[in-house]
Amino acid sequence: MVLGLSAEVLMRIAGGAMDVTLVLPRLEESADRFFAQSRLSGLFRKILGLGGSNHIPPLSLMYLAAVTPPGVDIHLIDERFEDIDYERPTDLVGISVVTRAATRAYHISQRFRERGVPVVLGGIHPSVMQEEALSHADAIVTGEGEGVWPQVVEDAGNGRLGGVYHRSGVGEFTTLPRIRRDILRDPSRYLTSRALTATRGCPRGCTFCSVGFGTGKKHRTRGVGEVIDELRATGTRGSAVYFADENMAVDLEYTKELLHEMIPLRLRWYGEMEVAAFEDGELVDLMGRSGCVSIQTGFDSLDPAVLKAIRKDRTNDSTRYVELVRRLHEAGVVVAGSLIVGFDGDAPPVFDQMYSFIQEANIEMPSINTLIPYPGTRIYRDFLAQGRLLTQDWNLYDTAAGFVVFQPKKMTPYQLASGYVDLCTKVHAGMATAGRLARAKTQNVRGTLLALHYNRQKKLSVAEEWARVNAGVSGTLGATIVTR
């Protein structure tokens, strides 16, 4: 469909002053309220060199800004912190969409389109739900957007925007310019403004994970020198560095080279790696020496049969978890370990098993999530075919909020949700947290403070959400849908 632009937009484009608005929608539920502000929270953040929230900058939109044709003005709206001024004159709106923010993104799109402003949606959700997304926009971008974004802007300027824009294959990460940090109006409101990526893509293909639909399954790396130069350009002291890579350790030799070159910079950094990487003693040593404060990793399940069913057995050996966590502690690295409840092999005893494991392994920052069957994943397709999806209200598709959106195999939705809440309550309790931190002996002061802060905020968040549930549980399709 050829777009019919408003007279206002056509006049602005003809005048050679094209304006593009890039929007990151806020989430509707609890994930956007995590790390609530308080005096104690502010003190912890100051000591840790962190900013005013748990959010990192919208790197995908900053990359789009970097490849936008010259002469186009970019206006970034991060709705997690600011309201949208729908009356502000603009010629094109681009919205980055993840599943749990899709409903909000569609509302934003409608408001702009009612004014005659063209809207293009991109990100993981439009990539896997193309027909749905296209019904709410003038065009969509699937997969990585940088390769087609200049064409999108040009087509919008010429009144030809419409349909699906997709770059065949995946782009070479090494050819991209650096992200446009200058479009951030208030860097201090982020966890850190020094967020970046060194690699892209994850080839693992886990059945529950949707990241491959955004950045592809082919793993690509930037030049080590280019990453080091960007780290230097953002300043090597002060605020912490956050690597937003899906998995920093797919190519171990690359990662070790990068960490070795980071040692002289004397950084404090955070990132995410797969569990199998910690079998490499040299890598773990380099993590500690290069300033890794905390590393996020996906344990996901303790059951070997579940790990095999979700295609995680290639990187995860649950018999090695405790030993690998111990290695990280000896290197001074605090562990942020993720676990998921609700797989088909999970029965009610899984909650006690997970609690015992977290306490035995002394995982300082445990992240417990209910299984969410994200669109596009194999689990989503299976549950849809089996009639086990309880709702497709995308607001509820949030792993961090404890929602149950499907019929579990070995327990009821309420058992899954209440077991999740009980587990979180026990894990984040003061004495349980203190015991893990004391036994871990990481000798990492910043990491320990971060873990204390994290567990405190999670405890408050769980209590708040469960109070809301007890005030009134909603029913969907005859099944009980509950939050934390």
Protein backbone atom coordinates (compact mmCIF):
# COMPACT_ATOMS: atom_id res chain seq x y z
CA MET A 1 0.00 0.00 0.00
CA VAL A 2 1.36 3.42 -0.93
CA LEU A 3 1.33 5.79 1.98
CA GLY A 4 -0.80 8.91 1.80
CA LEU A 5 1.17 11.58 3.62
CA SER A 6 -0.49 14.56 5.24
CA ALA A 7 -0.07 18.00 3.64
CA GLU A 8 1.94 19.11 6.71
CA VAL A 9 4.44 16.27 6.28
CA LEU A 10 4.78 16.84 2.53
CA MET A 11 5.49 20.54 3.08
CA ARG A 12 8.19 19.83 5.67
CA ILE A 13 9.90 17.29 3.42
CA ALA A 14 9.74 19.62 0.44
CA GLY A 15 11.41 22.28 2.58
CA GLY A 16 14.40 20.02 3.13
CA ALA A 17 13.99 19.78 6.90
CA MET A 18 12.98 16.19 7.49
CA ASP A 19 12.47 15.21 11.11
CA VAL A 20 12.46 11.59 12.31
CA THR A 21 11.19 10.57 15.75
CA LEU A 22 12.47 7.30 17.23
CA VAL A 23 10.43 5.85 20.11
CA LEU A 24 11.10 3.17 22.70
CA PRO A 25 7.72 2.39 24.34
CA ARG A 26 7.38 1.97 28.04
CA LEU A 27 6.19 -1.33 29.45
CA GLU A 28 2.77 -1.60 30.99
CA GLU A 29 3.64 -3.72 33.99
CA SER A 30 6.14 -4.20 36.79
CA ALA A 31 9.37 -4.54 34.81
CA ASP A 32 9.49 -0.77 34.30
CA ARG A 33 9.17 -0.16 38.03
CA PHE A 34 12.06 -2.38 39.07
CA PHE A 35 14.79 -0.71 41.14
CA ALA A 36 12.39 1.75 42.79
CA GLN A 37 13.99 4.97 43.91
CA SER A 38 14.80 5.70 47.54
CA ARG A 39 17.58 7.42 49.45
CA LEU A 40 19.23 4.08 50.11
CA SER A 41 18.88 3.14 46.45
CA GLY A 42 20.48 6.43 45.45
CA LEU A 43 23.38 5.86 47.84
CA PHE A 44 24.01 2.38 46.47
CA ARG A 45 23.96 3.69 42.93
CA LYS A 46 26.41 6.47 43.70
CA ILE A 47 28.88 4.05 45.28
CA LEU A 48 28.52 1.64 42.36
CA GLY A 49 28.87 4.35 39.71
CA LEU A 50 25.41 3.57 38.34
CA GLY A 51 22.77 5.92 37.03
CA GLY A 52 19.18 6.58 38.04
CA SER A 53 17.45 3.36 36.90
CA ASN A 54 18.02 -0.25 35.86
CA HIS A 55 17.49 0.60 32.19
CA ILE A 56 20.21 0.77 29.56
CA PRO A 57 20.01 3.15 26.59
CA PRO A 58 18.03 2.00 23.52
CA LEU A 59 21.02 0.81 21.50
CA SER A 60 18.97 -0.41 18.54
CA LEU A 61 17.52 3.06 18.01
CA MET A 62 20.94 4.65 18.49
CA TYR A 63 22.25 2.42 15.69
CA LEU A 64 19.38 3.51 13.44
CA ALA A 65 20.29 7.12 14.16
CA ALA A 66 23.88 6.35 13.15
CA VAL A 67 22.84 5.11 9.69
CA THR A 68 20.18 7.78 9.07
CA PRO A 69 21.00 9.82 5.95
CA PRO A 70 22.72 13.20 6.52
CA GLY A 71 20.48 16.22 6.86
CA VAL A 72 17.77 14.41 8.80
CA ASP A 73 17.06 15.55 12.35
CA ILE A 74 16.68 12.75 14.91
CA HIS A 75 14.49 13.08 17.99
CA LEU A 76 14.67 10.18 20.47
CA ILE A 77 11.84 9.54 22.91
CA ASP A 78 12.49 6.95 25.61
CA GLU A 79 9.01 6.59 27.05
CA ARG A 80 10.34 4.82 30.11
CA PHE A 81 11.34 8.30 31.30
CA GLU A 82 9.31 10.84 29.35
CA ASP A 83 5.89 11.38 27.86
CA ILE A 84 5.33 11.60 24.12
CA ASP A 85 4.40 14.97 22.66
CA TYR A 86 2.10 13.90 19.84
CA GLU A 87 1.72 17.51 18.68
CA ARG A 88 5.41 18.00 18.01
CA PRO A 89 5.93 18.29 14.20
CA THR A 90 7.68 15.23 12.76
CA ASP A 91 7.77 13.50 9.37
CA LEU A 92 8.36 9.88 10.30
CA VAL A 93 8.08 7.81 13.47
CA GLY A 94 10.06 4.62 14.06
CA ILE A 95 9.10 2.44 17.03
CA SER A 96 11.19 -0.42 18.43
CA VAL A 97 8.88 -3.22 19.59
CA VAL A 98 9.41 -6.16 21.90
CA THR A 99 6.49 -8.47 22.61
CA ARG A 100 5.65 -7.25 26.09
CA ALA A 101 5.48 -3.64 24.82
CA ALA A 102 3.60 -4.42 21.59
CA THR A 103 0.20 -3.25 22.79
CA ARG A 104 1.65 0.05 23.92
CA ALA A 105 3.55 0.42 20.63
CA TYR A 106 0.34 -0.08 18.64
CA HIS A 107 -1.39 2.62 20.68
CA ILE A 108 1.47 5.06 20.04
CA SER A 109 1.38 4.24 16.34
CA GLN A 110 -2.34 4.91 16.15
CA ARG A 111 -1.98 8.32 17.80
CA PHE A 112 0.65 9.44 15.28
CA ARG A 113 -1.17 8.00 12.27
CA GLU A 114 -4.35 9.83 13.26
CA ARG A 115 -2.33 13.00 12.67
CA GLY A 116 -1.21 11.78 9.25
CA VAL A 117 2.34 10.98 10.38
CA PRO A 118 3.71 7.71 8.88
CA VAL A 119 4.86 5.05 11.33
CA VAL A 120 7.24 2.13 10.86
CA LEU A 121 7.56 -0.64 13.45
CA GLY A 122 10.68 -2.75 13.93
CA GLY A 123 12.19 -5.18 16.40
CA ILE A 124 11.65 -8.77 17.46
CA HIS A 125 7.85 -8.70 17.67
CA PRO A 126 7.15 -7.26 14.20
CA SER A 127 9.73 -9.69 12.81
CA VAL A 128 7.73 -12.72 14.00
CA MET A 129 4.18 -11.26 13.96
CA GLN A 130 4.36 -9.47 10.63
CA GLU A 131 0.69 -9.46 9.67
CA GLU A 132 -0.38 -8.23 13.10
CA ALA A 133 2.27 -5.51 13.22
CA LEU A 134 1.59 -4.31 9.68
CA SER A 135 -2.08 -3.81 10.57
CA HIS A 136 -0.94 -1.19 13.09
CA ALA A 137 1.62 0.68 10.97
CA ASP A 138 2.41 1.98 7.51
CA ALA A 139 5.45 -0.30 7.25
CA ILE A 140 7.49 -2.75 9.29
CA VAL A 141 11.17 -3.65 9.39
CA THR A 142 12.06 -7.28 10.09
CA GLY A 143 15.37 -8.54 11.44
CA GLU A 144 18.28 -6.13 11.75
CA GLY A 145 17.14 -2.68 10.72
CA GLU A 146 20.35 -0.87 9.88
CA GLY A 147 20.65 -2.38 6.40
CA VAL A 148 17.25 -1.09 5.25
CA TRP A 149 16.72 1.98 7.43
CA PRO A 150 18.21 4.49 4.95
CA GLN A 151 15.76 3.17 2.33
CA VAL A 152 12.88 3.51 4.80
CA VAL A 153 13.76 7.16 5.43
CA GLU A 154 14.15 7.86 1.72
CA ASP A 155 10.82 6.19 0.86
CA ALA A 156 9.08 8.15 3.60
CA GLY A 157 10.54 11.36 2.25
CA ASN A 158 9.29 10.53 -1.24
CA GLY A 159 5.85 9.37 -0.13
CA ARG A 160 6.49 5.73 -1.06
CA LEU A 161 6.70 4.11 2.39
CA GLY A 162 4.79 0.86 2.76
CA GLY A 163 4.95 -2.88 3.31
CA VAL A 164 7.74 -5.00 4.73
CA TYR A 165 11.40 -3.97 4.67
CA HIS A 166 13.74 -6.88 5.13
CA ARG A 167 17.43 -7.27 4.45
CA SER A 168 18.20 -10.76 3.22
CA GLY A 169 20.79 -12.49 5.35
CA VAL A 170 22.52 -10.66 8.19
CA GLY A 171 24.63 -7.56 8.06
CA GLU A 172 28.31 -7.49 8.85
CA PHE A 173 28.66 -5.99 12.30
CA THR A 174 32.08 -4.58 11.45
CA THR A 175 30.66 -2.19 8.83
CA LEU A 176 28.31 -0.35 11.18
CA PRO A 177 29.20 3.12 12.46
CA ARG A 178 29.27 3.73 16.19
CA ILE A 179 25.96 4.40 17.87
CA ARG A 180 24.78 8.00 18.19
CA ARG A 181 25.21 8.71 21.91
CA ASP A 182 24.53 12.39 21.32
CA ILE A 183 20.79 11.75 20.90
CA LEU A 184 20.47 10.81 24.59
CA ARG A 185 19.12 13.91 26.30
CA ASP A 186 19.84 12.77 29.86
CA PRO A 187 22.41 9.97 30.07
CA SER A 188 22.36 10.05 33.88
CA ARG A 189 18.92 8.47 34.04
CA TYR A 190 20.21 5.14 32.68
CA LEU A 191 21.92 2.35 34.58
CA THR A 192 24.96 3.49 32.63
CA SER A 193 25.31 5.49 29.46
CA ARG A 194 28.41 3.42 28.66
CA ALA A 195 26.49 0.54 27.13
CA LEU A 196 27.74 -1.10 23.95
CA THR A 197 27.91 -4.39 22.05
CA ALA A 198 31.00 -6.28 20.95
CA THR A 199 29.20 -9.19 19.30
CA ARG A 200 25.85 -9.95 17.70
CA GLY A 201 23.75 -13.01 17.11
CA CYS A 202 23.34 -16.28 18.97
CA PRO A 203 23.55 -19.63 17.15
CA ARG A 204 22.27 -21.76 20.03
CA GLY A 205 18.59 -21.93 19.03
CA CYS A 206 17.06 -22.61 22.47
CA THR A 207 13.38 -23.46 22.11
CA PHE A 208 12.17 -20.69 24.46
CA CYS A 209 14.39 -17.84 23.29
CA SER A 210 13.42 -15.21 20.71
CA VAL A 211 16.60 -13.11 20.48
CA GLY A 212 17.64 -14.76 17.23
CA PHE A 213 14.70 -13.16 15.45
CA GLY A 214 16.12 -9.73 16.16
CA THR A 215 19.85 -10.09 15.53
CA GLY A 216 20.00 -13.43 13.77
CA LYS A 217 21.61 -16.75 14.60
CA LYS A 218 24.92 -16.03 12.90
CA HIS A 219 27.44 -14.89 15.47
CA ARG A 220 29.45 -11.84 14.42
CA THR A 221 32.13 -9.82 16.15
CA ARG A 222 33.47 -6.31 15.97
CA GLY A 223 37.19 -5.74 15.78
CA VAL A 224 38.76 -5.81 19.24
CA GLY A 225 40.54 -2.54 18.50
CA GLU A 226 37.26 -0.90 17.51
CA VAL A 227 35.63 -1.94 20.80
CA ILE A 228 38.61 -0.71 22.82
CA ASP A 229 38.54 2.60 20.97
CA GLU A 230 34.85 3.02 21.77
CA LEU A 231 35.47 2.24 25.43
CA ARG A 232 38.18 4.86 25.52
CA ALA A 233 35.94 7.38 23.74
CA THR A 234 33.24 6.98 26.38
CA GLY A 235 35.74 7.47 29.21
CA THR A 236 37.56 4.75 31.12
CA ARG A 237 36.68 5.88 34.65
CA GLY A 238 33.53 6.75 36.54
CA SER A 239 30.37 5.00 35.42
CA ALA A 240 30.28 1.28 34.78
CA VAL A 241 30.38 -0.40 31.34
CA TYR A 242 27.55 -2.67 30.26
CA PHE A 243 27.95 -5.12 27.37
CA ALA A 244 24.49 -5.68 25.88
CA ASP A 245 25.57 -8.73 23.83
CA GLU A 246 23.17 -11.66 23.80
CA ASN A 247 26.11 -13.94 24.62
CA MET A 248 29.63 -12.56 24.92
CA ALA A 249 31.25 -15.99 24.91
CA VAL A 250 30.21 -17.75 21.70
CA ASP A 251 33.74 -17.23 20.33
CA LEU A 252 35.98 -17.81 23.34
CA GLU A 253 39.22 -16.80 21.64
CA TYR A 254 37.71 -13.47 20.59
CA THR A 255 36.36 -12.85 24.09
CA LYS A 256 39.68 -13.63 25.72
CA GLU A 257 41.50 -11.28 23.36
CA LEU A 258 39.00 -8.52 24.13
CA LEU A 259 39.23 -8.99 27.90
CA HIS A 260 43.02 -9.04 27.75
CA GLU A 261 43.01 -5.68 25.95
CA MET A 262 40.56 -4.27 28.51
CA ILE A 263 42.83 -4.91 31.50
CA PRO A 264 44.86 -1.67 31.15
CA LEU A 265 41.65 0.37 30.98
CA ARG A 266 40.83 -0.52 34.60
CA LEU A 267 37.10 -0.76 33.95
CA ARG A 268 34.17 -2.05 35.95
CA TRP A 269 31.95 -3.99 33.58
CA TYR A 270 28.86 -6.18 33.39
CA GLY A 271 27.69 -8.59 30.68
CA GLU A 272 26.15 -11.96 29.83
CA MET A 273 27.79 -15.27 28.95
CA GLU A 274 26.64 -18.86 28.57
CA VAL A 275 27.43 -21.31 31.37
CA ALA A 276 29.79 -23.46 29.30
CA ALA A 277 32.21 -20.54 28.95
CA PHE A 278 33.22 -20.84 32.60
CA GLU A 279 34.81 -24.22 31.95
CA ASP A 280 37.65 -22.18 30.41
CA GLY A 281 39.85 -21.23 33.35
CA GLU A 282 41.81 -18.68 31.34
CA LEU A 283 38.58 -16.85 30.42
CA VAL A 284 37.40 -16.74 34.03
CA ASP A 285 40.77 -15.38 35.14
CA LEU A 286 40.62 -12.68 32.46
CA MET A 287 37.09 -11.75 33.54
CA GLY A 288 38.34 -10.98 37.02
CA ARG A 289 41.47 -9.17 35.87
CA SER A 290 39.58 -7.02 33.36
CA GLY A 291 37.16 -5.70 35.97
CA CYS A 292 34.04 -7.83 35.66
CA VAL A 293 31.83 -6.94 38.61
CA SER A 294 28.98 -9.28 37.79
CA ILE A 295 28.13 -11.70 34.98
CA GLN A 296 24.66 -12.83 33.99
CA THR A 297 24.25 -16.43 32.92
CA GLY A 298 21.35 -18.75 32.15
CA PHE A 299 21.19 -21.88 34.27
CA ASP A 300 17.52 -22.15 33.24
CA SER A 301 16.88 -25.63 34.65
CA LEU A 302 18.45 -28.15 37.00
CA ASP A 303 16.89 -31.13 35.20
CA PRO A 304 19.07 -32.72 32.46
CA ALA A 305 15.93 -33.95 30.66
CA VAL A 306 14.51 -30.42 30.57
CA LEU A 307 17.81 -28.99 29.36
CA LYS A 308 17.81 -31.49 26.52
CA ALA A 309 14.18 -30.76 25.62
CA ILE A 310 14.84 -27.01 25.37
CA ARG A 311 18.12 -27.55 23.45
CA LYS A 312 20.23 -26.17 26.26
CA ASP A 313 22.16 -29.36 26.96
CA ARG A 314 24.89 -28.28 24.50
CA THR A 315 25.98 -25.47 26.81
CA ASN A 316 24.57 -26.48 30.21
CA ASP A 317 25.58 -29.41 32.38
CA SER A 318 23.65 -29.02 35.62
CA THR A 319 26.09 -31.30 37.47
CA ARG A 320 28.76 -28.61 36.89
CA TYR A 321 26.79 -25.56 38.01
CA VAL A 322 28.06 -25.37 41.59
CA GLU A 323 31.70 -25.83 40.58
CA LEU A 324 31.51 -23.20 37.82
CA VAL A 325 29.93 -20.67 40.17
CA ARG A 326 32.75 -21.35 42.64
CA ARG A 327 35.31 -20.59 39.91
CA LEU A 328 33.69 -17.23 39.23
CA HIS A 329 33.66 -16.39 42.93
CA GLU A 330 37.37 -17.19 43.22
CA ALA A 331 37.98 -14.73 40.37
CA GLY A 332 36.02 -12.06 42.25
CA VAL A 333 32.99 -12.14 39.94
CA VAL A 334 29.47 -11.92 41.35
CA VAL A 335 26.98 -14.28 39.66
CA ALA A 336 23.59 -13.17 38.36
CA GLY A 337 22.05 -16.55 37.57
CA SER A 338 18.77 -17.01 35.73
CA LEU A 339 16.36 -19.88 36.36
CA ILE A 340 13.03 -20.57 34.66
CA VAL A 341 10.04 -22.39 36.14
CA GLY A 342 7.20 -23.85 34.08
CA PHE A 343 8.86 -26.17 31.57
CA ASP A 344 6.95 -29.35 30.77
CA GLY A 345 9.25 -31.38 32.98
CA ASP A 346 8.65 -29.13 36.00
CA ALA A 347 6.38 -30.38 38.80
CA PRO A 348 5.72 -28.64 42.17
CA PRO A 349 8.92 -30.01 43.82
CA VAL A 350 10.97 -27.87 41.38
CA PHE A 351 10.59 -24.81 43.61
CA ASP A 352 12.26 -26.43 46.65
CA GLN A 353 14.95 -27.89 44.38
CA MET A 354 15.77 -24.48 42.97
CA TYR A 355 15.91 -22.87 46.40
CA SER A 356 18.36 -25.52 47.62
CA PHE A 357 20.53 -25.06 44.55
CA ILE A 358 20.63 -21.26 44.82
CA GLN A 359 21.65 -21.50 48.48
CA GLU A 360 24.20 -24.27 47.90
CA ALA A 361 25.84 -22.50 44.94
CA ASN A 362 25.66 -19.12 46.73
CA ILE A 363 24.29 -17.30 43.71
CA GLU A 364 24.35 -13.70 44.83
CA MET A 365 21.82 -12.35 42.33
CA PRO A 366 19.31 -15.08 41.45
CA SER A 367 16.82 -14.15 38.71
CA ILE A 368 13.79 -16.43 38.80
CA ASN A 369 11.36 -16.24 35.90
CA THR A 370 8.17 -17.95 34.81
CA LEU A 371 8.34 -19.48 31.36
CA ILE A 372 6.95 -17.15 28.69
CA PRO A 373 6.25 -18.72 25.25
CA TYR A 374 7.33 -15.77 23.12
CA PRO A 375 5.92 -15.60 19.57
CA GLY A 376 8.20 -17.17 17.00
CA THR A 377 9.78 -19.66 19.39
CA ARG A 378 9.28 -23.40 19.10
CA ILE A 379 7.61 -23.49 22.51
CA TYR A 380 5.11 -20.86 21.35
CA ARG A 381 4.28 -22.87 18.24
CA ASP A 382 3.91 -26.06 20.25
CA PHE A 383 1.67 -24.49 22.89
CA LEU A 384 -0.44 -22.82 20.22
CA ALA A 385 -0.92 -26.11 18.37
CA GLN A 386 -1.76 -27.90 21.63
CA GLY A 387 -4.30 -25.26 22.67
CA ARG A 388 -2.31 -24.45 25.82
CA LEU A 389 -2.00 -20.67 25.43
CA LEU A 390 -4.32 -19.00 27.93
CA THR A 391 -4.00 -15.51 26.52
CA GLN A 392 -2.29 -13.49 23.81
CA ASP A 393 -2.47 -10.27 25.77
CA TRP A 394 1.09 -9.18 25.08
CA ASN A 395 1.17 -7.06 28.25
CA LEU A 396 1.35 -10.34 30.18
CA TYR A 397 4.27 -11.78 28.21
CA ASP A 398 6.86 -10.66 30.73
CA THR A 399 9.25 -13.18 32.30
CA ALA A 400 10.33 -10.76 35.03
CA ALA A 401 6.78 -10.15 36.27
CA GLY A 402 5.84 -13.76 37.04
CA PHE A 403 2.82 -13.96 34.76
CA VAL A 404 1.45 -17.35 33.72
CA VAL A 405 0.08 -17.23 30.17
CA PHE A 406 -0.15 -20.95 29.36
CA GLN A 407 -1.37 -24.20 30.85
CA PRO A 408 1.58 -25.96 32.50
CA LYS A 409 1.86 -29.71 32.00
CA LYS A 410 2.45 -30.91 35.56
CA MET A 411 0.78 -28.23 37.66
CA THR A 412 -2.01 -25.69 37.51
CA PRO A 413 -1.40 -22.06 36.53
CA TYR A 414 -2.02 -21.06 40.13
CA GLN A 415 0.48 -23.62 41.44
CA LEU A 416 3.10 -22.25 39.06
CA ALA A 417 2.44 -18.63 39.99
CA SER A 418 2.19 -19.17 43.73
CA GLY A 419 5.24 -21.45 43.72
CA TYR A 420 7.13 -18.75 41.89
CA VAL A 421 6.13 -16.15 44.47
CA ASP A 422 7.04 -18.36 47.41
CA LEU A 423 10.42 -19.17 45.86
CA CYS A 424 11.20 -15.50 45.20
CA THR A 425 10.12 -14.56 48.72
CA LYS A 426 12.43 -17.15 50.28
CA VAL A 427 15.39 -16.50 47.98
CA HIS A 428 15.39 -12.72 48.42
CA ALA A 429 14.80 -12.76 52.18
CA GLY A 430 17.43 -10.93 54.19
CA MET A 431 18.95 -13.92 56.00
CA ALA A 432 19.03 -16.09 52.87
CA THR A 433 20.75 -13.32 50.91
CA ALA A 434 23.24 -12.56 53.67
CA GLY A 435 24.16 -16.22 53.98
CA ARG A 436 24.88 -16.56 50.26
CA LEU A 437 27.00 -13.41 50.19
CA ALA A 438 29.01 -14.49 53.23
CA ARG A 439 29.70 -17.96 51.86
CA ALA A 440 30.53 -16.77 48.32
CA LYS A 441 33.60 -14.86 49.55
CA THR A 442 34.11 -13.05 46.24
CA GLN A 443 36.04 -10.18 47.91
CA ASN A 444 34.24 -7.89 45.50
CA VAL A 445 32.90 -4.93 47.48
CA ARG A 446 31.03 -3.35 44.59
CA GLY A 447 29.55 -6.67 43.54
CA THR A 448 28.42 -7.40 47.10
CA LEU A 449 26.75 -3.99 47.40
CA LEU A 450 25.08 -4.54 44.03
CA ALA A 451 23.79 -7.92 45.19
CA LEU A 452 22.42 -6.47 48.43
CA HIS A 453 20.67 -3.73 46.48
CA TYR A 454 19.30 -6.19 43.91
CA ASN A 455 17.87 -8.63 46.45
CA ARG A 456 16.32 -5.85 48.51
CA GLN A 457 14.55 -4.38 45.49
CA LYS A 458 13.38 -7.80 44.30
CA LYS A 459 11.97 -8.57 47.74
CA LEU A 460 9.99 -5.32 47.77
CA SER A 461 8.81 -5.88 44.22
CA VAL A 462 7.53 -9.41 44.90
CA ALA A 463 5.63 -8.29 48.00
CA GLU A 464 4.02 -5.42 46.10
CA GLU A 465 2.94 -7.56 43.18
CA TRP A 466 1.54 -10.39 45.31
CA ALA A 467 -0.51 -7.88 47.32
CA ARG A 468 -2.08 -6.75 44.04
CA VAL A 469 -2.86 -10.36 43.11
CA ASN A 470 -4.54 -11.05 46.44
CA ALA A 471 -6.68 -7.96 45.91
CA GLY A 472 -8.25 -9.57 42.84
CA VAL A 473 -7.17 -12.34 40.47
CA SER A 474 -8.45 -12.05 36.90
CA GLY A 475 -9.80 -14.94 34.85
CA THR A 476 -8.96 -15.49 31.19
CA LEU A 477 -10.54 -18.22 29.04
CA GLY A 478 -11.73 -19.95 32.17
CA ALA A 479 -8.20 -20.29 33.55
CA THR A 480 -6.62 -18.42 36.40
CA ILE A 481 -4.07 -15.88 35.22
CA VAL A 482 -2.00 -14.52 38.03
CA THR A 483 0.98 -12.25 38.48
CA ARG A 484 3.51 -12.44 41.22
